[in-house]
Protein backbone atom coordinates (compact mmCIF):
# COMPACT_ATOMS: atom_id res chain seq x y z
CA GLY A 1 -0.13 -11.55 -21.23
CA PHE A 2 0.70 -8.63 -18.97
CA ALA A 3 0.18 -5.05 -20.04
CA CYS A 4 2.89 -2.60 -18.98
CA ASP A 5 2.07 0.92 -17.82
CA THR A 6 4.22 2.96 -20.22
CA ARG A 7 2.81 6.43 -19.55
CA ASN A 8 5.37 9.13 -18.82
CA THR A 9 3.81 12.28 -17.46
CA THR A 10 4.77 14.82 -14.87
CA HIS A 11 2.28 15.51 -12.07
CA SER A 12 1.79 18.99 -10.68
CA LEU A 13 -0.79 20.35 -8.29
CA SER A 14 -2.39 23.59 -9.30
CA PRO A 15 -4.65 25.48 -6.89
CA MET A 16 -7.62 24.08 -8.78
CA GLY A 17 -6.14 20.59 -8.57
CA GLY A 18 -5.66 21.08 -4.86
CA ASN A 19 -9.32 22.02 -4.44
CA LYS A 20 -10.38 18.97 -6.38
CA ARG A 21 -8.19 16.75 -4.24
CA THR A 22 -9.64 18.28 -1.08
CA GLN A 23 -13.16 17.66 -2.37
CA LYS A 24 -12.22 14.07 -3.22
CA ASN A 25 -10.75 13.51 0.23
CA ASN A 26 -13.92 14.87 1.86
CA ALA A 27 -16.08 12.63 -0.34
CA ASP A 28 -13.89 9.63 0.50
CA LEU A 29 -14.20 10.41 4.20
CA VAL A 30 -18.01 10.41 3.97
CA LEU A 31 -17.90 7.19 1.94
CA HIS A 32 -15.62 5.41 4.39
CA THR A 33 -17.63 6.62 7.40
CA THR A 34 -20.89 5.38 5.87
CA ASN A 35 -19.40 1.99 4.99
CA GLU A 36 -18.00 1.72 8.50
CA GLU A 37 -21.43 2.48 9.99
CA ILE A 38 -23.12 -0.08 7.74
CA LEU A 39 -20.64 -2.85 8.52
CA GLN A 40 -20.87 -2.08 12.24
CA ALA A 41 -24.67 -2.23 12.09
CA ILE A 42 -24.54 -5.60 10.28
CA VAL A 43 -22.11 -7.07 12.82
CA ASP A 44 -24.35 -5.81 15.64
CA LEU A 45 -27.33 -7.60 14.08
CA TYR A 46 -25.31 -10.82 14.09
CA ASN A 47 -23.90 -10.52 17.59
CA ALA A 48 -26.96 -9.20 19.45
CA PRO A 49 -27.57 -11.26 22.63
CA ALA A 50 -30.65 -13.43 23.11
CA VAL A 51 -33.47 -11.83 25.11
CA GLU A 52 -35.92 -14.34 26.56
CA VAL A 53 -38.30 -12.74 29.08
CA ARG A 54 -41.57 -14.28 30.17
CA GLY A 55 -44.49 -12.52 28.55
CA LYS A 56 -42.34 -10.87 25.87
CA PRO A 57 -41.36 -12.06 22.36
CA TYR A 58 -38.04 -13.86 22.03
CA THR A 59 -35.35 -11.89 20.20
CA ALA A 60 -31.71 -12.66 19.41
CA GLY A 61 -28.89 -11.92 17.02
CA ILE A 62 -28.50 -13.81 13.76
CA LYS A 63 -25.56 -15.84 15.09
CA GLU A 64 -27.55 -16.95 18.14
CA MET A 65 -30.55 -17.90 16.00
CA THR A 66 -28.54 -19.81 13.40
CA ASP A 67 -26.73 -21.75 16.13
CA HIS A 68 -30.08 -22.60 17.72
CA LEU A 69 -31.46 -23.80 14.38
CA GLY A 70 -28.32 -25.67 13.29
CA ILE A 71 -27.52 -23.33 10.38
CA SER A 72 -23.89 -22.71 9.42
CA CYS A 73 -23.06 -19.03 9.85
CA ASN A 74 -19.91 -16.92 9.67
CA VAL A 75 -20.28 -13.42 11.04
CA PRO A 76 -19.17 -10.82 8.46
CA ARG A 77 -16.09 -8.89 9.49
CA LYS A 78 -16.09 -5.13 9.99
CA LYS A 79 -12.87 -4.79 8.02
CA ILE A 80 -11.28 -6.19 4.92
CA THR A 81 -7.92 -7.94 5.07
CA VAL A 82 -5.21 -6.86 2.63
CA ALA A 83 -2.01 -8.89 2.34
CA LEU A 84 1.18 -7.49 0.81
CA VAL A 85 3.43 -10.06 -0.86
CA GLY A 86 6.77 -9.65 -2.59
CA ASN A 87 10.49 -10.12 -2.44
CA HIS A 88 12.61 -8.57 0.30
CA SER A 89 12.81 -4.76 0.13
CA ALA A 90 9.91 -4.51 -2.35
CA GLY A 91 8.38 -1.58 -0.47
CA LYS A 92 5.57 -3.44 1.32
CA SER A 93 6.21 -1.85 4.72
CA SER A 94 6.81 1.56 3.16
CA PHE A 95 3.44 1.43 1.45
CA ILE A 96 1.65 0.59 4.72
CA ASN A 97 3.41 3.48 6.47
CA TRP A 98 2.39 5.83 3.66
CA TYR A 99 -1.21 4.61 3.59
CA ILE A 100 -1.80 5.06 7.32
CA GLY A 101 0.36 8.18 7.59
CA GLU A 102 2.56 6.81 10.38
CA ASN A 103 5.88 4.98 10.55
CA ILE A 104 4.54 1.82 12.12
CA GLN A 105 6.51 -0.68 10.08
CA ARG A 106 10.29 -0.59 10.09
CA THR A 107 11.83 -0.58 6.65
CA GLY A 108 15.08 -2.13 5.53
CA VAL A 109 15.06 -4.72 8.34
CA ALA A 110 17.17 -7.85 7.86
CA ILE A 111 15.12 -10.55 6.24
CA GLU A 112 16.25 -13.12 8.81
CA THR A 113 14.09 -11.38 11.42
CA ALA A 114 11.01 -10.92 9.22
CA GLY A 115 7.69 -12.52 10.17
CA PHE A 116 4.01 -11.79 9.65
CA THR A 117 2.81 -8.43 10.94
CA ILE A 118 -0.84 -7.36 11.07
CA VAL A 119 -1.36 -3.60 11.11
CA THR A 120 -4.78 -2.47 12.35
CA THR A 121 -6.46 0.60 13.80
CA GLY A 122 -7.29 1.08 17.46
CA LYS A 123 -7.56 3.60 20.27
CA LYS A 124 -3.83 3.98 20.85
CA ARG A 125 -0.41 2.70 19.80
CA GLU A 126 0.14 -0.86 20.98
CA SER A 127 1.80 -4.12 19.94
CA TYR A 128 0.53 -7.67 20.42
CA LYS A 129 2.48 -10.86 19.92
CA GLY A 130 1.49 -14.29 18.65
CA GLU A 131 -1.12 -15.65 21.04
CA ALA A 132 -2.76 -12.26 21.59
CA THR A 133 -2.89 -11.76 17.82
CA LEU A 134 -4.81 -15.00 17.33
CA GLN A 135 -7.24 -14.01 20.07
CA LEU A 136 -7.82 -10.68 18.37
CA PHE A 137 -8.20 -12.16 14.88
CA LYS A 138 -10.02 -15.41 15.58
CA HIS A 139 -10.54 -16.11 11.87
CA LEU A 140 -6.75 -16.64 11.69
CA ILE A 141 -6.71 -19.32 14.42
CA PRO A 142 -6.22 -22.11 11.80
CA LEU A 143 -2.71 -20.68 11.28
CA ILE A 144 -1.75 -22.12 14.66
CA ASP A 145 -1.30 -25.46 12.88
CA PHE A 146 1.91 -24.17 11.24
CA PRO A 147 4.88 -24.82 13.58
CA GLY A 148 6.99 -21.75 14.30
CA LEU A 149 4.45 -19.22 13.01
CA VAL A 150 2.81 -18.05 16.23
CA GLU A 151 6.17 -16.97 17.65
CA ASN A 152 6.70 -14.82 14.55
CA LEU A 153 3.23 -13.26 14.42
CA VAL A 154 2.83 -9.63 15.56
CA THR A 155 0.01 -7.08 15.59
CA GLU A 156 0.75 -3.38 15.41
CA ILE A 157 -2.08 -1.05 16.48
CA CYS A 158 -2.24 2.67 15.83
CA ALA A 159 -4.93 5.35 15.98
CA SER A 160 -4.51 6.60 12.42
CA LYS A 161 -7.62 7.92 10.66
CA GLU A 162 -5.99 8.20 7.24
CA ARG A 163 -7.83 7.08 4.13
CA ALA A 164 -9.91 3.93 4.73
CA PHE A 165 -7.60 2.50 7.38
CA ALA A 166 -10.51 2.15 9.82
CA LEU A 167 -11.88 -0.52 7.46
CA VAL A 168 -8.61 -2.29 6.62
CA ASP A 169 -6.31 -4.80 8.30
CA PHE A 170 -2.95 -5.03 6.54
CA ILE A 171 -0.87 -8.20 6.67
CA ASP A 172 2.79 -7.45 5.97
CA THR A 173 4.30 -10.76 4.89
CA PRO A 174 7.98 -11.80 5.05
CA GLY A 175 10.21 -10.74 2.20
CA LEU A 176 10.86 -13.65 -0.15
CA ALA A 177 14.37 -14.62 -1.20
CA ASP A 178 16.29 -17.52 -2.72
CA GLY A 179 19.47 -19.12 -1.49
CA GLN A 180 20.20 -20.71 1.83
CA LEU A 181 17.78 -18.52 3.77
CA GLU A 182 15.65 -20.58 6.14
CA TYR A 183 12.41 -19.29 7.64
CA PRO A 184 11.22 -20.39 11.10
CA PHE A 185 8.04 -21.68 9.42
CA ASP A 186 6.98 -23.00 6.03
CA VAL A 187 6.54 -19.58 4.45
CA ASP A 188 5.14 -20.91 1.16
CA LYS A 189 2.35 -22.90 2.83
CA VAL A 190 1.59 -20.13 5.34
CA LEU A 191 1.23 -17.55 2.56
CA TYR A 192 -1.10 -19.89 0.68
CA SER A 193 -3.20 -20.35 3.83
CA VAL A 194 -3.21 -16.61 4.59
CA GLY A 195 -4.56 -15.98 1.09
CA GLU A 196 -7.76 -17.78 2.04
CA HIS A 197 -8.46 -15.21 4.77
CA CYS A 198 -7.66 -12.16 2.63
CA ASP A 199 -9.96 -10.00 0.56
CA LEU A 200 -7.15 -8.46 -1.48
CA ILE A 201 -3.56 -9.53 -2.19
CA LEU A 202 -1.13 -6.85 -3.38
CA VAL A 203 1.99 -8.22 -5.07
CA PHE A 204 4.89 -5.77 -5.20
CA PHE A 205 7.88 -6.28 -7.53
CA ASP A 206 11.10 -4.47 -6.72
CA PRO A 207 12.76 -3.22 -9.95
CA ILE A 208 16.30 -3.36 -8.52
CA GLY A 209 15.99 -6.21 -6.04
CA GLN A 210 15.04 -9.87 -6.38
CA ALA A 211 11.66 -9.47 -8.03
CA LEU A 212 12.33 -12.46 -10.25
CA CYS A 213 13.63 -14.83 -7.58
CA SER A 214 12.26 -18.34 -7.97
CA ARG A 215 10.66 -18.38 -4.50
CA THR A 216 8.69 -15.19 -5.24
CA MET A 217 7.49 -16.56 -8.57
CA SER A 218 6.62 -19.93 -7.05
CA VAL A 219 4.53 -18.34 -4.28
CA ILE A 220 2.77 -16.00 -6.72
CA ALA A 221 1.96 -18.88 -9.09
CA SER A 222 0.52 -20.87 -6.18
CA LEU A 223 -1.57 -17.92 -4.94
CA ASN A 224 -2.79 -17.06 -8.42
CA GLU A 225 -3.97 -20.61 -9.01
CA LYS A 226 -6.61 -20.32 -6.28
CA TYR A 227 -6.95 -16.61 -5.48
CA HIS A 228 -6.46 -14.95 -8.87
CA THR A 229 -9.53 -12.72 -8.39
CA LYS A 230 -7.95 -11.23 -5.24
CA ILE A 231 -4.49 -10.48 -6.66
CA ARG A 232 -3.21 -7.14 -8.01
CA TYR A 233 0.32 -6.68 -9.38
CA TYR A 234 2.45 -3.53 -9.09
CA LEU A 235 5.99 -2.49 -9.93
CA SER A 236 7.04 -0.73 -6.73
CA LYS A 237 9.87 1.76 -6.16
CA ALA A 238 9.59 2.84 -9.79
CA ASP A 239 11.26 6.15 -8.93
CA GLN A 240 14.51 4.27 -8.29
CA VAL A 241 14.75 3.59 -12.03
CA PRO A 242 14.57 7.15 -13.35
CA LYS A 243 15.37 6.33 -17.00
CA GLU A 244 12.32 5.37 -19.02
CA GLU A 245 14.32 2.94 -21.15
CA ASP A 246 15.65 1.06 -18.12
CA ARG A 247 12.20 0.98 -16.51
CA GLN A 248 10.64 -0.48 -19.64
CA LYS A 249 13.27 -3.22 -19.69
CA VAL A 250 12.40 -4.11 -16.11
CA LEU A 251 8.68 -4.14 -16.87
CA ILE A 252 9.14 -6.36 -19.92
CA GLN A 253 11.39 -8.75 -18.03
CA ILE A 254 8.92 -9.10 -15.13
CA THR A 255 5.85 -9.45 -17.36
CA GLN A 256 7.51 -12.10 -19.50
CA ASN A 257 8.52 -14.05 -16.43
CA LEU A 258 5.02 -13.75 -14.98
CA SER A 259 3.43 -14.85 -18.24
CA SER A 260 5.44 -18.06 -18.11
CA GLN A 261 4.62 -18.70 -14.45
CA VAL A 262 1.06 -17.44 -13.99
CA LYS A 263 -1.82 -18.78 -16.02
CA CYS A 264 -4.82 -16.53 -16.43
CA ALA A 265 -7.45 -15.96 -19.10
CA HIS A 266 -7.30 -12.18 -18.74
CA ALA A 267 -4.55 -9.68 -19.38
CA PHE A 268 -2.86 -8.24 -16.30
CA GLU A 269 -1.57 -4.74 -15.83
CA LEU A 270 1.61 -3.93 -13.97
CA PRO A 271 1.25 -0.27 -12.94
CA THR A 272 4.30 1.56 -11.65
CA ILE A 273 4.11 2.98 -8.14
CA PHE A 274 6.36 4.74 -5.67
CA ILE A 275 5.99 6.59 -2.39
CA PRO A 276 5.16 10.25 -3.16
CA ASP A 277 7.57 12.91 -1.93
CA MET A 278 10.17 10.28 -1.06
CA HIS A 279 12.71 12.34 -3.04
CA GLU A 280 12.42 15.01 -0.35
CA VAL A 281 13.66 12.47 2.20
CA THR A 282 16.42 11.00 0.03
CA GLY A 283 17.45 14.29 -1.55
CA SER A 284 17.03 12.93 -5.08
CA ARG A 285 15.43 14.66 -8.05
CA PRO A 286 11.60 14.60 -8.25
CA PRO A 287 10.46 11.65 -10.39
CA THR A 288 8.78 12.39 -13.71
CA MET A 289 7.11 9.03 -14.37
CA THR A 290 3.47 8.21 -13.71
CA ASN A 291 2.69 7.16 -10.15
CA ALA A 292 -0.27 4.77 -9.93
CA ILE A 293 -0.19 4.52 -6.15
CA GLU A 294 -3.67 6.04 -5.95
CA GLU A 295 -4.86 3.07 -8.02
CA VAL A 296 -3.83 0.87 -5.11
CA CYS A 297 -6.03 2.96 -2.83
CA THR A 298 -8.83 2.66 -5.38
CA ASP A 299 -8.45 -1.14 -5.37
CA ILE A 300 -8.70 -1.10 -1.58
CA ASP A 301 -11.79 1.15 -1.67
CA ARG A 302 -13.41 -1.07 -4.30
CA THR A 303 -12.73 -4.15 -2.17
CA ILE A 304 -14.34 -2.41 0.81
CA ASN A 305 -17.43 -1.68 -1.27
CA PHE A 306 -17.63 -5.31 -2.37
CA SER A 307 -17.25 -6.34 1.27
CA VAL A 308 -20.20 -4.15 2.25
CA GLN A 309 -22.30 -5.62 -0.56
CA ASN A 310 -21.33 -9.16 0.41
CA ALA A 311 -22.17 -8.45 4.05
CA LEU A 312 -25.59 -7.09 3.09
CA LYS A 313 -26.20 -10.15 0.92
CA ALA A 314 -25.12 -12.49 3.73
CA LEU A 315 -27.47 -10.67 6.11
CA LYS A 316 -30.45 -11.24 3.83
CA ASP A 317 -29.46 -14.83 3.02
CA HIS A 318 -29.11 -15.79 6.67
CA ALA A 319 -32.40 -14.09 7.55
CA ASN A 320 -34.18 -16.06 4.81
CA GLN A 321 -32.49 -19.30 5.91
CA ILE A 322 -33.67 -18.70 9.47
CA ASP A 323 -37.22 -18.04 8.29
CA GLU A 324 -37.24 -21.17 6.09
CA LYS A 325 -35.77 -23.32 8.87
CA CYS A 326 -38.44 -22.16 11.30
CA LYS A 327 -41.17 -22.97 8.76
CA GLU A 328 -39.61 -26.38 8.16
CA LYS A 329 -39.39 -27.23 11.86
CA LEU A 330 -42.96 -26.08 12.54
CA ALA A 331 -44.30 -28.03 9.55
CA ILE A 332 -42.43 -31.22 10.53
CA SER A 333 -43.68 -30.93 14.10
CA LYS A 334 -47.24 -30.54 12.87
CA VAL A 335 -46.96 -33.64 10.66
CA ASN A 336 -45.35 -35.63 13.48
CA ARG A 337 -48.08 -34.58 15.90
CA SER A 338 -50.76 -35.86 13.49
CA HIS A 339 -48.79 -39.08 13.01
CA ASN A 340 -48.56 -39.62 16.77
CA LEU A 341 -52.29 -38.94 17.20
CA ARG A 342 -53.22 -41.50 14.53
CA GLY A 343 -50.89 -44.04 16.07
CA SER A 344 -52.38 -43.45 19.53
CA LEU A 345 -55.95 -43.84 18.27
CA LEU A 346 -55.12 -47.00 16.32
CA GLY A 347 -53.30 -48.47 19.30
CA ALA A 348 -56.24 -47.70 21.59
CA PHE A 349 -58.63 -49.37 19.16
CA GLU A 350 -56.44 -52.51 18.99
CA TRP A 351 -56.27 -52.66 22.79
CA PHE A 352 -60.03 -52.36 22.96
CA LEU A 353 -60.52 -55.30 20.57
CA LEU A 354 -57.94 -57.40 22.39
CA LEU A 355 -59.50 -56.75 25.78
CA ASP A 356 -62.95 -57.50 24.36
CA VAL A 357 -61.80 -60.91 23.06
CA LEU A 358 -60.04 -61.62 26.36
CA VAL A 359 -63.12 -60.79 28.43
CA MET A 360 -65.35 -62.93 26.21
CA PHE A 361 -62.83 -65.74 26.49
CA VAL A 362 -62.78 -65.62 30.30
CA LEU A 363 -66.54 -65.26 30.66
CA SER A 364 -67.16 -68.22 28.40
CA PHE A 365 -65.76 -70.56 31.06
CA PHE A 366 -68.40 -69.36 33.49
CA ASP A 367 -71.29 -69.40 31.06
CA VAL A 368 -73.32 -72.41 32.37
CA SER A 369 -76.05 -72.12 29.78
CA SER A 370 -73.52 -72.53 26.96
CA PHE A 371 -72.04 -75.50 28.88
CA PHE A 372 -75.36 -77.40 28.67
CA ARG A 373 -76.46 -75.98 25.32
CA CYS A 374 -73.68 -77.94 23.71
CA THR A 375 -75.58 -81.13 24.66
CA GLY A 376 -79.07 -79.90 23.90
CA ALA A 377 -80.31 -80.53 27.48
CA THR A 378 -80.62 -78.32 30.53
CA PRO A 379 -81.13 -79.23 34.24
CA SER A 380 -84.24 -77.13 34.33
CA VAL A 381 -85.89 -79.59 31.92
CA THR A 382 -84.49 -82.96 32.92
CA GLY A 383 -83.67 -82.33 36.55
CA VAL A 384 -80.81 -84.83 36.02
CA PRO A 385 -77.11 -83.90 35.88
CA PRO A 386 -75.42 -84.62 32.53
CA GLY A 387 -73.84 -87.97 32.08
CA PRO A 388 -70.24 -88.90 31.13
CA GLY A 389 -70.87 -88.53 27.40
CA VAL A 390 -72.28 -85.10 27.80
CA THR A 391 -69.36 -84.06 29.97
CA ALA A 392 -66.87 -85.29 27.35
CA ALA A 393 -68.66 -83.43 24.58
CA CYS A 394 -68.68 -80.24 26.58
CA GLY A 395 -64.95 -80.69 27.31
CA ALA A 396 -64.22 -80.93 23.59
CA TYR A 397 -66.34 -77.83 23.02
CA GLN A 398 -64.37 -75.89 25.63
CA VAL A 399 -61.02 -76.97 24.12
CA ALA A 400 -62.14 -75.78 20.69
CA HIS A 401 -63.36 -72.52 22.20
CA PHE A 402 -60.03 -72.05 24.03
CA VAL A 403 -58.01 -72.65 20.86
CA GLY A 404 -60.15 -70.26 18.82
CA SER A 405 -60.01 -67.55 21.44
CA SER A 406 -56.24 -68.02 21.81
CA VAL A 407 -55.81 -67.57 18.06
CA TRP A 408 -57.77 -64.30 18.17
CA ILE A 409 -55.78 -63.12 21.17
CA GLY A 410 -52.52 -64.00 19.36
CA ILE A 411 -53.65 -62.06 16.29
CA GLY A 412 -54.50 -59.08 18.50
CA VAL A 413 -51.12 -59.19 20.24
CA PHE A 414 -49.37 -59.44 16.86
CA PHE A 415 -51.14 -56.34 15.58
CA LEU A 416 -50.36 -54.48 18.80
CA ILE A 417 -46.67 -55.28 18.38
CA LEU A 418 -46.87 -54.33 14.71
CA ILE A 419 -48.46 -51.00 15.58
CA LYS A 420 -45.84 -50.38 18.25
CA PHE A 421 -42.93 -50.79 15.85
CA THR A 422 -44.50 -49.27 12.72
CA ASN A 423 -46.11 -46.31 14.43
CA LYS A 424 -43.32 -45.15 16.70
CA LYS A 425 -43.86 -41.73 18.14
CA LYS A 426 -41.96 -38.98 16.38
CA ALA A 427 -40.41 -35.94 17.99
CA VAL A 428 -42.67 -32.91 18.29
CA LEU A 429 -41.93 -29.41 19.48
CA SER A 430 -43.11 -28.29 22.86
CA GLY A 431 -45.51 -25.39 23.09
CA LYS A 432 -42.66 -23.19 24.35
CA GLU A 433 -40.44 -24.10 21.41
CA VAL A 434 -43.27 -23.48 18.92
CA SER A 435 -43.80 -20.05 20.44
CA LYS A 436 -40.05 -19.39 20.27
CA LEU A 437 -39.83 -20.29 16.58
CA MET A 438 -42.79 -18.09 15.77
CA ASP A 439 -41.13 -15.21 17.63
CA ILE A 440 -37.94 -15.79 15.64
CA GLN A 441 -39.88 -15.69 12.38
CA LYS A 442 -41.56 -12.46 13.37
CA HIS A 443 -38.27 -10.92 14.51
CA VAL A 444 -36.57 -11.84 11.24
CA THR A 445 -39.31 -10.57 8.95
CA SER A 446 -40.30 -7.43 10.86
CA LYS A 447 -36.92 -6.35 12.22
CA ILE A 448 -33.90 -7.86 10.49
CA LEU A 449 -35.14 -7.82 6.89
CA GLN A 450 -36.55 -4.36 7.41
CA ARG A 451 -33.19 -3.21 8.79
CA HIS A 452 -31.53 -4.81 5.77
CA GLU A 453 -33.60 -2.59 3.46
CA GLU A 454 -32.69 0.49 5.50
CA LEU A 455 -28.98 -0.31 5.32
CA TYR A 456 -29.16 -0.80 1.57
CA LYS A 457 -30.79 2.60 1.20
CA GLN A 458 -28.04 4.09 3.32
CA TYR A 459 -25.44 2.39 1.13
CA PHE A 460 -27.05 3.63 -2.10
CA SER A 461 -27.33 7.16 -0.73
CA GLN A 462 -23.55 7.51 -1.09
CA THR A 463 -23.77 7.49 -4.88
CA LEU A 464 -27.43 8.01 -5.87
CA HIS A 465 -29.54 11.14 -5.47
CA GLU A 466 -32.62 9.01 -4.96
CA MET A 467 -33.69 5.40 -5.12
CA PRO A 468 -34.95 4.31 -8.56
């Protein structure tokens, strides 16, 4: 089942606590910067252009080499994608604004106008609409197959440097609601498709809204069926239910409903979260319940770390695949070259035998000595031309000789045809292509795999004093 977060503590920041938080923020900044550098370096290794200069070794990026060798390859992304899902007014936009430290997303907007909004970092504040969004996020191009979606797809860009925003793309999804509300696209199917392109899915339940609406539960059940390892559940806006007793009732109600809708072998937690210092804006009393909003940030940081590890693994796997493919192509070409050589030699030998039989056959008609030897008499002895009987005997001899020679010629032609069809020439690599594959092997082993080791050391240096 689902485990409720029932802790009830009051948070206060002492000077010592403030110092600790500052130290943590500095450590997080170093961590995020290092991860950003590593992911950027990996993407650069994939997207490096091909360099083919006469007299110099061939070099190229991993994507160029895999395309050349026919290897399937998806370039790792420099950022993770985090989708926020929930009912209308569940606090999804408010969380994004808090995380990036800017009011990018409007809150409290009518659900009829809601669409999909991608929030990403950039040089300056800017907004892109549907087609531009798909050009910017090419991995989302399959979403163009959903009618009505592109027109309701927006990208919001800001220059925030807060937390790990430089490594995160947020997808703010439409608020879900029951009733007669109609979306301009099939929201259930789009959300399911978006889940495939996400690294983390945050599900927010509003304690005073429509957290238990059937559409929300249906979408969550569908997402959990395929993407359960990506999903995290939170009770948002917990500060709007100040009484512990009322909050526990909401938690129990939501967890029971989820338990009946979502099937999973592991217990789920439903931490309570709210936007810090929101009471200063609303003028309400400071909340006293536990705020697990930093756990959301921790989930995002953990997903980033997994993304870095996956990118490093993909880098090594693709490098090894390239090396193995080059070895395979070179080995096949070598075998085919030997096959072609044997076929050529055998064919030449058969032609030699056939020509030899043909020459002997032709010369036999002009061999006068054999013409008279068939009768046992020669003009040099008798001085008399052969008679009719002798001529007939020699004619029969020549017919027999013609038939025998024709049989041998037919056998020779048969074997030539047989050799032609059973020893067809196989494709071999040109000298230039062989040289290119050998350069690729050398580039992979001496450059890319070596760079992979360096990046792993850089990654480990964030947490280890020294390599074991």
